[in-house]
């Protein structure tokens, strides 16, 4: 009986690991009033994520408007190593981009998580640069 139980546990574990990731498809708008930004970070005027997902493959276009203008960045799950990328970490969709700034290199990582309802998504965003690491907590609403 013990051996059968172990085999059953292994099969169930493999099936659970093969589950499709949660569906993030849609247009997500940043709720700047609910979001909490690092004290030295400037909150964007607006930010929109357009996510096109088919199974575990995702294409994302993020458009951010700040006081200095508009910037659009594209993330792909099959992106080249040097470009912005999207990858899965369990139920999290992780976006990572590398930037060369006047103050040196910067790495921005967003860990997106779907809420309990289909209309909300949260992101823990970490910015690492020569001055250290800052964390922002972003709240998105599905349009």
N, C-alpha and C. Protein backbone atom coordinates (compact mmCIF):
# COMPACT_ATOMS: atom_id res chain seq x y z
N UNK A 1 0.82 -1.20 0.00
CA UNK A 1 0.00 0.00 0.00
C UNK A 1 0.86 1.26 0.00
N UNK A 2 1.95 1.27 0.71
CA UNK A 2 2.82 2.44 0.78
C UNK A 2 3.38 2.82 -0.57
N UNK A 3 3.76 1.82 -1.38
CA UNK A 3 4.34 2.10 -2.69
C UNK A 3 3.29 2.68 -3.63
N UNK A 4 2.07 2.15 -3.58
CA UNK A 4 0.98 2.68 -4.42
C UNK A 4 0.66 4.12 -4.05
N UNK A 5 0.69 4.41 -2.75
CA UNK A 5 0.41 5.76 -2.29
C UNK A 5 1.46 6.74 -2.82
N UNK A 6 2.72 6.35 -2.79
CA UNK A 6 3.79 7.21 -3.29
C UNK A 6 3.64 7.45 -4.80
N UNK A 7 3.27 6.41 -5.53
CA UNK A 7 3.08 6.56 -6.98
C UNK A 7 1.90 7.50 -7.25
N UNK A 8 0.81 7.33 -6.52
CA UNK A 8 -0.35 8.20 -6.67
C UNK A 8 0.01 9.65 -6.36
N UNK A 9 0.77 9.87 -5.29
CA UNK A 9 1.20 11.23 -4.94
C UNK A 9 2.06 11.83 -6.05
N UNK A 10 2.93 11.04 -6.65
CA UNK A 10 3.81 11.53 -7.72
C UNK A 10 2.98 11.91 -8.95
N UNK A 11 1.98 11.09 -9.28
CA UNK A 11 1.13 11.38 -10.44
C UNK A 11 0.31 12.65 -10.20
N UNK A 12 -0.30 12.78 -9.02
CA UNK A 12 -1.09 13.97 -8.70
C UNK A 12 -0.21 15.21 -8.71
N UNK A 13 0.98 15.11 -8.16
CA UNK A 13 1.91 16.24 -8.15
C UNK A 13 2.28 16.66 -9.57
N UNK A 14 2.54 15.70 -10.44
CA UNK A 14 2.90 16.00 -11.84
C UNK A 14 1.73 16.67 -12.56
N UNK A 15 0.52 16.19 -12.31
CA UNK A 15 -0.66 16.79 -12.94
C UNK A 15 -0.88 18.22 -12.45
N UNK A 16 -0.67 18.45 -11.18
CA UNK A 16 -0.85 19.79 -10.63
C UNK A 16 0.18 20.74 -11.21
N UNK A 17 1.41 20.28 -11.41
CA UNK A 17 2.46 21.10 -11.98
C UNK A 17 2.20 21.43 -13.44
N UNK A 18 1.39 20.63 -14.11
CA UNK A 18 1.12 20.83 -15.53
C UNK A 18 -0.09 21.72 -15.78
N UNK A 19 -0.70 22.26 -14.72
CA UNK A 19 -1.87 23.11 -14.89
C UNK A 19 -1.51 24.37 -15.67
N UNK A 20 -2.47 24.84 -16.42
CA UNK A 20 -2.27 26.07 -17.18
C UNK A 20 -2.18 27.25 -16.21
N UNK A 21 -1.38 28.25 -16.55
CA UNK A 21 -1.28 29.42 -15.68
C UNK A 21 -2.59 30.22 -15.71
N UNK A 22 -2.82 31.06 -14.70
CA UNK A 22 -4.03 31.88 -14.72
C UNK A 22 -4.03 32.80 -15.93
N UNK A 23 -5.22 33.15 -16.40
CA UNK A 23 -5.36 33.98 -17.60
C UNK A 23 -5.30 35.45 -17.23
N UNK A 24 -4.28 36.14 -17.72
CA UNK A 24 -4.09 37.56 -17.47
C UNK A 24 -4.57 38.41 -18.65
N UNK A 25 -5.12 37.78 -19.70
CA UNK A 25 -5.50 38.51 -20.92
C UNK A 25 -6.40 39.69 -20.62
N UNK A 26 -6.19 40.76 -21.38
CA UNK A 26 -7.05 41.93 -21.26
C UNK A 26 -6.25 43.20 -21.13
N UNK A 27 -6.97 44.28 -20.91
CA UNK A 27 -6.38 45.60 -20.72
C UNK A 27 -6.52 45.97 -19.26
N UNK A 28 -5.39 46.27 -18.63
CA UNK A 28 -5.33 46.56 -17.19
C UNK A 28 -4.83 47.98 -16.99
N UNK A 29 -5.59 48.77 -16.23
CA UNK A 29 -5.23 50.17 -15.98
C UNK A 29 -4.79 50.32 -14.52
N UNK A 30 -3.65 50.99 -14.33
CA UNK A 30 -3.12 51.25 -13.00
C UNK A 30 -4.05 52.18 -12.23
N UNK A 31 -4.40 51.79 -11.00
CA UNK A 31 -5.16 52.65 -10.11
C UNK A 31 -4.13 53.38 -9.24
N UNK A 32 -3.79 54.60 -9.62
CA UNK A 32 -2.72 55.34 -8.94
C UNK A 32 -3.09 55.71 -7.51
N UNK A 33 -4.38 55.81 -7.21
CA UNK A 33 -4.80 56.17 -5.85
C UNK A 33 -4.64 55.01 -4.87
N UNK A 34 -4.85 53.80 -5.32
CA UNK A 34 -4.70 52.62 -4.46
C UNK A 34 -3.26 52.12 -4.39
N UNK A 35 -2.48 52.42 -5.40
CA UNK A 35 -1.10 51.94 -5.47
C UNK A 35 -0.22 52.70 -4.47
N UNK A 36 0.83 52.02 -4.00
CA UNK A 36 1.78 52.63 -3.05
C UNK A 36 3.16 52.65 -3.70
N UNK A 37 3.67 53.84 -3.92
CA UNK A 37 4.95 54.00 -4.60
C UNK A 37 6.05 54.27 -3.58
N UNK A 38 7.27 53.87 -3.94
CA UNK A 38 8.42 54.15 -3.09
C UNK A 38 8.51 55.64 -2.85
N UNK A 39 8.97 56.05 -1.66
CA UNK A 39 8.93 57.48 -1.32
C UNK A 39 9.73 58.36 -2.26
N UNK A 40 10.79 57.85 -2.86
CA UNK A 40 11.57 58.68 -3.78
C UNK A 40 11.20 58.43 -5.24
N UNK A 41 10.16 57.63 -5.48
CA UNK A 41 9.73 57.35 -6.86
C UNK A 41 8.58 58.28 -7.25
N UNK A 42 8.63 58.72 -8.47
CA UNK A 42 7.55 59.57 -9.00
C UNK A 42 6.44 58.67 -9.53
N UNK A 43 5.23 58.84 -9.05
CA UNK A 43 4.10 58.05 -9.53
C UNK A 43 3.78 58.45 -10.97
N UNK A 44 3.50 57.47 -11.83
CA UNK A 44 3.12 57.82 -13.21
C UNK A 44 1.75 58.48 -13.24
N UNK A 45 1.51 59.28 -14.28
CA UNK A 45 0.17 59.85 -14.47
C UNK A 45 -0.81 58.75 -14.81
N UNK A 46 -0.35 57.80 -15.64
CA UNK A 46 -1.17 56.63 -15.99
C UNK A 46 -0.25 55.51 -16.47
N UNK A 47 -0.78 54.31 -16.39
CA UNK A 47 -0.06 53.14 -16.90
C UNK A 47 -1.09 52.09 -17.32
N UNK A 48 -0.90 51.54 -18.51
CA UNK A 48 -1.83 50.54 -19.03
C UNK A 48 -1.04 49.34 -19.50
N UNK A 49 -1.47 48.15 -19.09
CA UNK A 49 -0.89 46.89 -19.56
C UNK A 49 -1.91 46.22 -20.47
N UNK A 50 -1.50 45.93 -21.71
CA UNK A 50 -2.35 45.18 -22.63
C UNK A 50 -1.71 43.80 -22.75
N UNK A 51 -2.42 42.79 -22.26
CA UNK A 51 -1.87 41.44 -22.19
C UNK A 51 -2.63 40.52 -23.13
N UNK A 52 -1.90 39.88 -24.02
CA UNK A 52 -2.45 38.90 -24.95
C UNK A 52 -1.83 37.55 -24.56
N UNK A 53 -2.65 36.66 -24.03
CA UNK A 53 -2.15 35.38 -23.52
C UNK A 53 -2.83 34.22 -24.22
N UNK A 54 -2.02 33.25 -24.61
CA UNK A 54 -2.50 32.00 -25.18
C UNK A 54 -1.77 30.88 -24.45
N UNK A 55 -2.45 30.27 -23.46
CA UNK A 55 -1.80 29.26 -22.64
C UNK A 55 -0.71 29.91 -21.80
N UNK A 56 0.52 29.42 -21.94
CA UNK A 56 1.62 30.00 -21.17
C UNK A 56 2.40 31.04 -21.97
N UNK A 57 1.99 31.30 -23.21
CA UNK A 57 2.66 32.29 -24.05
C UNK A 57 1.97 33.64 -23.88
N UNK A 58 2.75 34.68 -23.58
CA UNK A 58 2.18 36.01 -23.37
C UNK A 58 2.96 37.07 -24.15
N UNK A 59 2.21 38.04 -24.63
CA UNK A 59 2.76 39.26 -25.23
C UNK A 59 2.13 40.42 -24.48
N UNK A 60 2.96 41.34 -24.01
CA UNK A 60 2.47 42.44 -23.18
C UNK A 60 3.00 43.75 -23.72
N UNK A 61 2.12 44.73 -23.79
CA UNK A 61 2.52 46.08 -24.15
C UNK A 61 2.17 46.95 -22.95
N UNK A 62 3.18 47.60 -22.36
CA UNK A 62 2.98 48.47 -21.21
C UNK A 62 3.24 49.91 -21.63
N UNK A 63 2.21 50.74 -21.51
CA UNK A 63 2.33 52.16 -21.86
C UNK A 63 2.23 52.98 -20.58
N UNK A 64 3.27 53.77 -20.33
CA UNK A 64 3.35 54.58 -19.12
C UNK A 64 3.44 56.05 -19.52
N UNK A 65 2.61 56.87 -18.87
CA UNK A 65 2.66 58.32 -19.08
C UNK A 65 3.17 58.95 -17.78
N UNK A 66 4.26 59.72 -17.90
CA UNK A 66 4.82 60.44 -16.76
C UNK A 66 4.82 61.92 -17.08
N UNK A 67 5.33 62.72 -16.17
CA UNK A 67 5.40 64.17 -16.41
C UNK A 67 6.34 64.51 -17.55
N UNK A 68 7.24 63.57 -17.92
CA UNK A 68 8.19 63.84 -19.02
C UNK A 68 7.76 63.25 -20.35
N UNK A 69 6.62 62.56 -20.39
CA UNK A 69 6.15 62.01 -21.66
C UNK A 69 5.62 60.60 -21.54
N UNK A 70 5.48 59.95 -22.71
CA UNK A 70 4.91 58.60 -22.80
C UNK A 70 5.97 57.61 -23.24
N UNK A 71 5.94 56.42 -22.64
CA UNK A 71 6.88 55.36 -22.99
C UNK A 71 6.11 54.04 -23.13
N UNK A 72 6.42 53.29 -24.18
CA UNK A 72 5.81 51.98 -24.37
C UNK A 72 6.90 50.93 -24.39
N UNK A 73 6.68 49.86 -23.65
CA UNK A 73 7.64 48.76 -23.56
C UNK A 73 6.90 47.47 -23.85
N UNK A 74 7.52 46.58 -24.65
CA UNK A 74 6.90 45.30 -25.02
C UNK A 74 7.64 44.17 -24.33
N UNK A 75 6.88 43.25 -23.74
CA UNK A 75 7.41 42.07 -23.06
C UNK A 75 6.89 40.83 -23.77
N UNK A 76 7.75 39.84 -23.94
CA UNK A 76 7.34 38.58 -24.56
C UNK A 76 7.87 37.42 -23.74
N UNK A 77 7.09 36.33 -23.72
CA UNK A 77 7.54 35.16 -22.98
C UNK A 77 8.68 34.45 -23.71
N UNK A 78 8.84 34.68 -25.00
CA UNK A 78 9.93 34.07 -25.75
C UNK A 78 10.92 35.14 -26.20
N UNK A 79 11.15 36.13 -25.35
CA UNK A 79 12.01 37.27 -25.70
C UNK A 79 13.48 36.88 -25.69
N UNK A 80 14.29 37.58 -26.48
CA UNK A 80 15.73 37.37 -26.41
C UNK A 80 16.25 37.73 -25.02
N UNK A 81 17.37 37.15 -24.63
CA UNK A 81 17.90 37.32 -23.28
C UNK A 81 18.11 38.79 -22.90
N UNK A 82 18.48 39.62 -23.84
CA UNK A 82 18.79 41.02 -23.52
C UNK A 82 17.56 41.91 -23.46
N UNK A 83 16.43 41.47 -24.01
CA UNK A 83 15.25 42.33 -24.08
C UNK A 83 14.33 42.16 -22.90
N UNK A 84 13.29 43.01 -22.83
CA UNK A 84 12.27 42.84 -21.79
C UNK A 84 11.64 41.46 -21.91
N UNK A 85 11.43 40.80 -20.79
CA UNK A 85 10.92 39.44 -20.85
C UNK A 85 9.75 39.23 -19.90
N UNK A 86 8.95 38.22 -20.22
CA UNK A 86 7.84 37.78 -19.38
C UNK A 86 8.05 36.30 -19.11
N UNK A 87 7.92 35.90 -17.85
CA UNK A 87 8.09 34.49 -17.49
C UNK A 87 7.12 34.13 -16.37
N UNK A 88 6.92 32.84 -16.19
CA UNK A 88 6.00 32.35 -15.16
C UNK A 88 6.77 31.88 -13.94
N UNK A 89 6.24 32.20 -12.76
CA UNK A 89 6.72 31.69 -11.48
C UNK A 89 5.48 31.27 -10.71
N UNK A 90 5.12 30.00 -10.86
CA UNK A 90 3.86 29.47 -10.33
C UNK A 90 2.70 30.28 -10.91
N UNK A 91 1.88 30.91 -10.06
CA UNK A 91 0.73 31.70 -10.53
C UNK A 91 1.08 33.15 -10.81
N UNK A 92 2.34 33.50 -10.68
CA UNK A 92 2.79 34.88 -10.93
C UNK A 92 3.29 35.02 -12.36
N UNK A 93 2.96 36.13 -12.98
CA UNK A 93 3.53 36.51 -14.26
C UNK A 93 4.59 37.56 -13.93
N UNK A 94 5.84 37.27 -14.28
CA UNK A 94 6.96 38.13 -13.91
C UNK A 94 7.47 38.85 -15.15
N UNK A 95 7.52 40.18 -15.07
CA UNK A 95 8.05 41.01 -16.15
C UNK A 95 9.38 41.58 -15.70
N UNK A 96 10.38 41.48 -16.56
CA UNK A 96 11.69 42.02 -16.20
C UNK A 96 12.26 42.81 -17.36
N UNK A 97 12.82 43.98 -17.04
CA UNK A 97 13.47 44.80 -18.05
C UNK A 97 14.73 45.43 -17.47
N UNK A 98 15.70 45.65 -18.36
CA UNK A 98 16.98 46.25 -18.00
C UNK A 98 17.10 47.57 -18.74
N UNK A 99 17.53 48.60 -18.01
CA UNK A 99 17.64 49.93 -18.59
C UNK A 99 19.01 50.52 -18.30
N UNK A 100 19.54 51.24 -19.27
CA UNK A 100 20.74 52.04 -19.06
C UNK A 100 20.28 53.46 -18.79
N UNK A 101 20.54 53.95 -17.60
CA UNK A 101 20.13 55.29 -17.22
C UNK A 101 21.38 56.16 -17.04
N UNK A 102 21.21 57.48 -16.95
CA UNK A 102 22.37 58.34 -16.70
C UNK A 102 23.10 57.99 -15.40
N UNK A 103 22.39 57.38 -14.45
CA UNK A 103 23.00 56.97 -13.17
C UNK A 103 23.51 55.54 -13.19
N UNK A 104 23.47 54.88 -14.35
CA UNK A 104 23.96 53.51 -14.44
C UNK A 104 22.85 52.52 -14.74
N UNK A 105 23.19 51.22 -14.75
CA UNK A 105 22.18 50.21 -15.09
C UNK A 105 21.09 50.10 -14.03
N UNK A 106 19.90 49.71 -14.52
CA UNK A 106 18.72 49.57 -13.66
C UNK A 106 17.95 48.32 -14.10
N UNK A 107 17.50 47.53 -13.14
CA UNK A 107 16.68 46.35 -13.41
C UNK A 107 15.32 46.55 -12.74
N UNK A 108 14.25 46.42 -13.54
CA UNK A 108 12.89 46.56 -13.03
C UNK A 108 12.19 45.21 -13.15
N UNK A 109 11.69 44.70 -12.02
CA UNK A 109 10.99 43.42 -11.99
C UNK A 109 9.59 43.62 -11.43
N UNK A 110 8.58 43.18 -12.17
CA UNK A 110 7.18 43.24 -11.73
C UNK A 110 6.67 41.82 -11.56
N UNK A 111 6.13 41.50 -10.37
CA UNK A 111 5.50 40.20 -10.11
C UNK A 111 3.99 40.42 -10.07
N UNK A 112 3.32 40.04 -11.16
CA UNK A 112 1.88 40.24 -11.30
C UNK A 112 1.12 39.04 -10.75
N UNK A 113 0.03 39.34 -10.05
CA UNK A 113 -0.82 38.28 -9.49
C UNK A 113 -2.27 38.66 -9.70
N UNK A 114 -3.05 37.72 -10.24
CA UNK A 114 -4.50 37.95 -10.41
C UNK A 114 -5.15 37.93 -9.05
N UNK A 115 -6.16 38.78 -8.88
CA UNK A 115 -6.92 38.82 -7.64
C UNK A 115 -7.97 37.71 -7.62
N UNK A 116 -8.70 37.64 -6.55
CA UNK A 116 -9.74 36.62 -6.40
C UNK A 116 -10.86 36.80 -7.41
N UNK A 117 -11.08 38.02 -7.82
CA UNK A 117 -12.10 38.30 -8.81
C UNK A 117 -11.41 38.58 -10.13
N UNK A 118 -12.13 38.52 -11.22
CA UNK A 118 -11.53 38.70 -12.55
C UNK A 118 -11.16 40.14 -12.87
N UNK A 119 -11.46 41.08 -12.00
CA UNK A 119 -11.30 42.49 -12.33
C UNK A 119 -10.11 43.17 -11.68
N UNK A 120 -9.33 42.47 -10.85
CA UNK A 120 -8.20 43.13 -10.19
C UNK A 120 -6.91 42.33 -10.40
N UNK A 121 -5.81 43.06 -10.35
CA UNK A 121 -4.48 42.45 -10.45
C UNK A 121 -3.54 43.31 -9.61
N UNK A 122 -2.63 42.67 -8.90
CA UNK A 122 -1.64 43.41 -8.13
C UNK A 122 -0.25 43.13 -8.68
N UNK A 123 0.66 44.05 -8.42
CA UNK A 123 2.05 43.88 -8.84
C UNK A 123 2.96 44.39 -7.74
N UNK A 124 3.97 43.60 -7.42
CA UNK A 124 5.05 44.07 -6.57
C UNK A 124 6.19 44.38 -7.52
N UNK A 125 6.55 45.66 -7.59
CA UNK A 125 7.57 46.11 -8.53
C UNK A 125 8.83 46.49 -7.77
N UNK A 126 9.94 45.89 -8.18
CA UNK A 126 11.22 46.16 -7.55
C UNK A 126 12.14 46.81 -8.57
N UNK A 127 12.74 47.92 -8.18
CA UNK A 127 13.70 48.63 -9.02
C UNK A 127 15.05 48.54 -8.33
N UNK A 128 16.03 47.94 -9.02
CA UNK A 128 17.38 47.82 -8.48
C UNK A 128 18.32 48.66 -9.33
N UNK A 129 19.09 49.49 -8.65
CA UNK A 129 20.13 50.27 -9.33
C UNK A 129 21.27 50.50 -8.36
N UNK A 130 22.21 51.37 -8.72
CA UNK A 130 23.39 51.55 -7.89
C UNK A 130 23.07 52.13 -6.51
N UNK A 131 21.92 52.79 -6.38
CA UNK A 131 21.55 53.36 -5.08
C UNK A 131 20.84 52.36 -4.17
N UNK A 132 20.54 51.17 -4.69
CA UNK A 132 19.89 50.15 -3.87
C UNK A 132 18.65 49.59 -4.53
N UNK A 133 17.66 49.28 -3.70
CA UNK A 133 16.45 48.62 -4.17
C UNK A 133 15.23 49.34 -3.60
N UNK A 134 14.27 49.64 -4.47
CA UNK A 134 13.00 50.26 -4.06
C UNK A 134 11.86 49.35 -4.49
N UNK A 135 10.82 49.30 -3.65
CA UNK A 135 9.66 48.46 -3.96
C UNK A 135 8.41 49.30 -4.01
N UNK A 136 7.60 49.03 -5.02
CA UNK A 136 6.32 49.69 -5.23
C UNK A 136 5.23 48.62 -5.26
N UNK A 137 4.06 48.94 -4.74
CA UNK A 137 2.92 48.02 -4.76
C UNK A 137 1.86 48.64 -5.65
N UNK A 138 1.62 48.01 -6.78
CA UNK A 138 0.70 48.55 -7.78
C UNK A 138 -0.60 47.77 -7.81
N UNK A 139 -1.69 48.48 -8.05
CA UNK A 139 -3.03 47.91 -8.11
C UNK A 139 -3.62 48.23 -9.47
N UNK A 140 -4.03 47.20 -10.21
CA UNK A 140 -4.59 47.38 -11.56
C UNK A 140 -6.05 46.93 -11.59
N UNK A 141 -6.82 47.60 -12.43
CA UNK A 141 -8.24 47.27 -12.63
C UNK A 141 -8.40 46.90 -14.11
N UNK A 142 -9.13 45.82 -14.36
CA UNK A 142 -9.37 45.39 -15.74
C UNK A 142 -10.43 46.27 -16.37
N UNK A 143 -10.12 46.75 -17.58
CA UNK A 143 -11.08 47.60 -18.30
C UNK A 143 -12.06 46.77 -19.08
